[in-house]
Amino acid sequence: MTPWLLFGAGGKGVGARTLELALAEQRPVVAVIRHADAATKLAQQGVQVFTGDACDASVVAAACRAAGPDALIISTMAELRIIWRTEQ
């Protein structure tokens, strides 16, 4: 089954709902989250978690390696945050 690399799974909105779908389908999930406090709960659900900023190339590269070359990459993060970070 195709693994999912999910950005924005640590909250309670669209990312959390997307994660629920993946877990219901028993998909392998690698998640990149900003806040470490959500990591334990996600790991207990079988998610491989990377904590850090999605604009940090080292975090993204590590998550991509873990998910593998066939992973479906899904971002549920707000676009404005990414634009703001890239303009800094």
Protein backbone atom coordinates (compact mmCIF):
# COMPACT_ATOMS: atom_id res chain seq x y z
CA MET A 1 0.00 0.00 0.00
CA THR A 2 1.28 3.47 -0.89
CA PRO A 3 2.65 5.33 2.14
CA TRP A 4 1.53 8.88 2.82
CA LEU A 5 3.89 11.68 3.78
CA LEU A 6 1.63 14.12 5.57
CA PHE A 7 2.49 17.71 6.46
CA GLY A 8 0.17 19.28 9.02
CA ALA A 9 -1.09 16.20 10.87
CA GLY A 10 -0.48 17.56 14.37
CA GLY A 11 -3.52 19.75 14.73
CA LYS A 12 -7.27 19.24 14.90
CA GLY A 13 -8.32 20.38 11.44
CA VAL A 14 -7.94 19.04 7.93
CA GLY A 15 -4.60 17.38 8.71
CA ALA A 16 -6.09 15.38 11.57
CA ARG A 17 -9.00 14.27 9.38
CA THR A 18 -6.61 13.27 6.60
CA LEU A 19 -4.58 11.27 9.09
CA GLU A 20 -7.76 9.52 10.29
CA LEU A 21 -8.49 8.45 6.71
CA ALA A 22 -4.98 7.08 6.23
CA LEU A 23 -5.07 5.15 9.50
CA ALA A 24 -8.54 3.77 8.75
CA GLU A 25 -7.12 2.39 5.50
CA GLN A 26 -4.12 1.04 7.45
CA ARG A 27 -1.73 3.05 5.30
CA PRO A 28 1.83 3.64 6.43
CA VAL A 29 2.08 7.31 7.43
CA VAL A 30 5.07 9.57 7.91
CA ALA A 31 4.10 12.93 9.41
CA VAL A 32 5.95 16.22 9.73
CA ILE A 33 4.60 18.27 12.63
CA ARG A 34 5.64 21.55 14.22
CA HIS A 35 4.87 20.85 17.86
CA ALA A 36 6.53 17.99 19.71
CA ASP A 37 3.60 17.62 22.12
CA ALA A 38 1.57 15.88 19.39
CA ALA A 39 4.37 13.43 18.54
CA THR A 40 3.67 10.88 21.27
CA LYS A 41 -0.01 10.49 20.38
CA LEU A 42 0.78 10.11 16.68
CA ALA A 43 3.56 7.60 17.34
CA GLN A 44 1.17 5.54 19.48
CA GLN A 45 -1.10 5.37 16.43
CA GLY A 46 1.72 3.92 14.35
CA VAL A 47 2.75 7.13 12.62
CA GLN A 48 6.45 7.77 12.00
CA VAL A 49 6.85 11.35 13.22
CA PHE A 50 9.35 14.06 12.32
CA THR A 51 9.13 17.19 14.44
CA GLY A 52 10.27 20.48 12.95
CA ASP A 53 9.55 23.22 10.50
CA ALA A 54 8.31 22.14 7.07
CA CYS A 55 10.54 24.87 5.61
CA ASP A 56 13.62 23.16 7.08
CA ALA A 57 15.20 21.18 4.25
CA SER A 58 16.83 18.67 6.60
CA VAL A 59 13.50 17.79 8.23
CA VAL A 60 11.77 17.44 4.87
CA ALA A 61 14.62 15.35 3.43
CA ALA A 62 14.60 12.97 6.40
CA ALA A 63 10.82 12.56 6.18
CA CYS A 64 11.01 11.93 2.43
CA ARG A 65 13.67 9.27 2.92
CA ALA A 66 11.55 7.59 5.59
CA ALA A 67 8.41 7.65 3.44
CA GLY A 68 10.19 6.26 0.40
CA PRO A 69 10.17 7.11 -3.30
CA ASP A 70 6.59 5.97 -3.91
CA ALA A 71 4.97 8.00 -1.14
CA LEU A 72 2.01 10.26 -1.77
CA ILE A 73 2.96 13.70 -0.40
CA ILE A 74 0.06 15.60 1.17
CA SER A 75 0.23 19.06 2.72
CA THR A 76 -2.66 20.40 4.76
CA MET A 77 -0.71 23.41 6.00
CA ALA A 78 -1.84 26.96 5.39
CA GLU A 79 -0.20 28.40 2.29
CA LEU A 80 0.40 31.82 3.84
CA ARG A 81 2.77 30.40 6.44
CA ILE A 82 4.95 28.85 3.75
CA ILE A 83 4.97 32.04 1.68
CA TRP A 84 5.89 34.07 4.75
CA ARG A 85 8.79 31.73 5.60
CA THR A 86 10.21 31.74 2.08
CA GLU A 87 10.18 35.53 1.95
CA GLN A 88 12.27 35.87 5.12
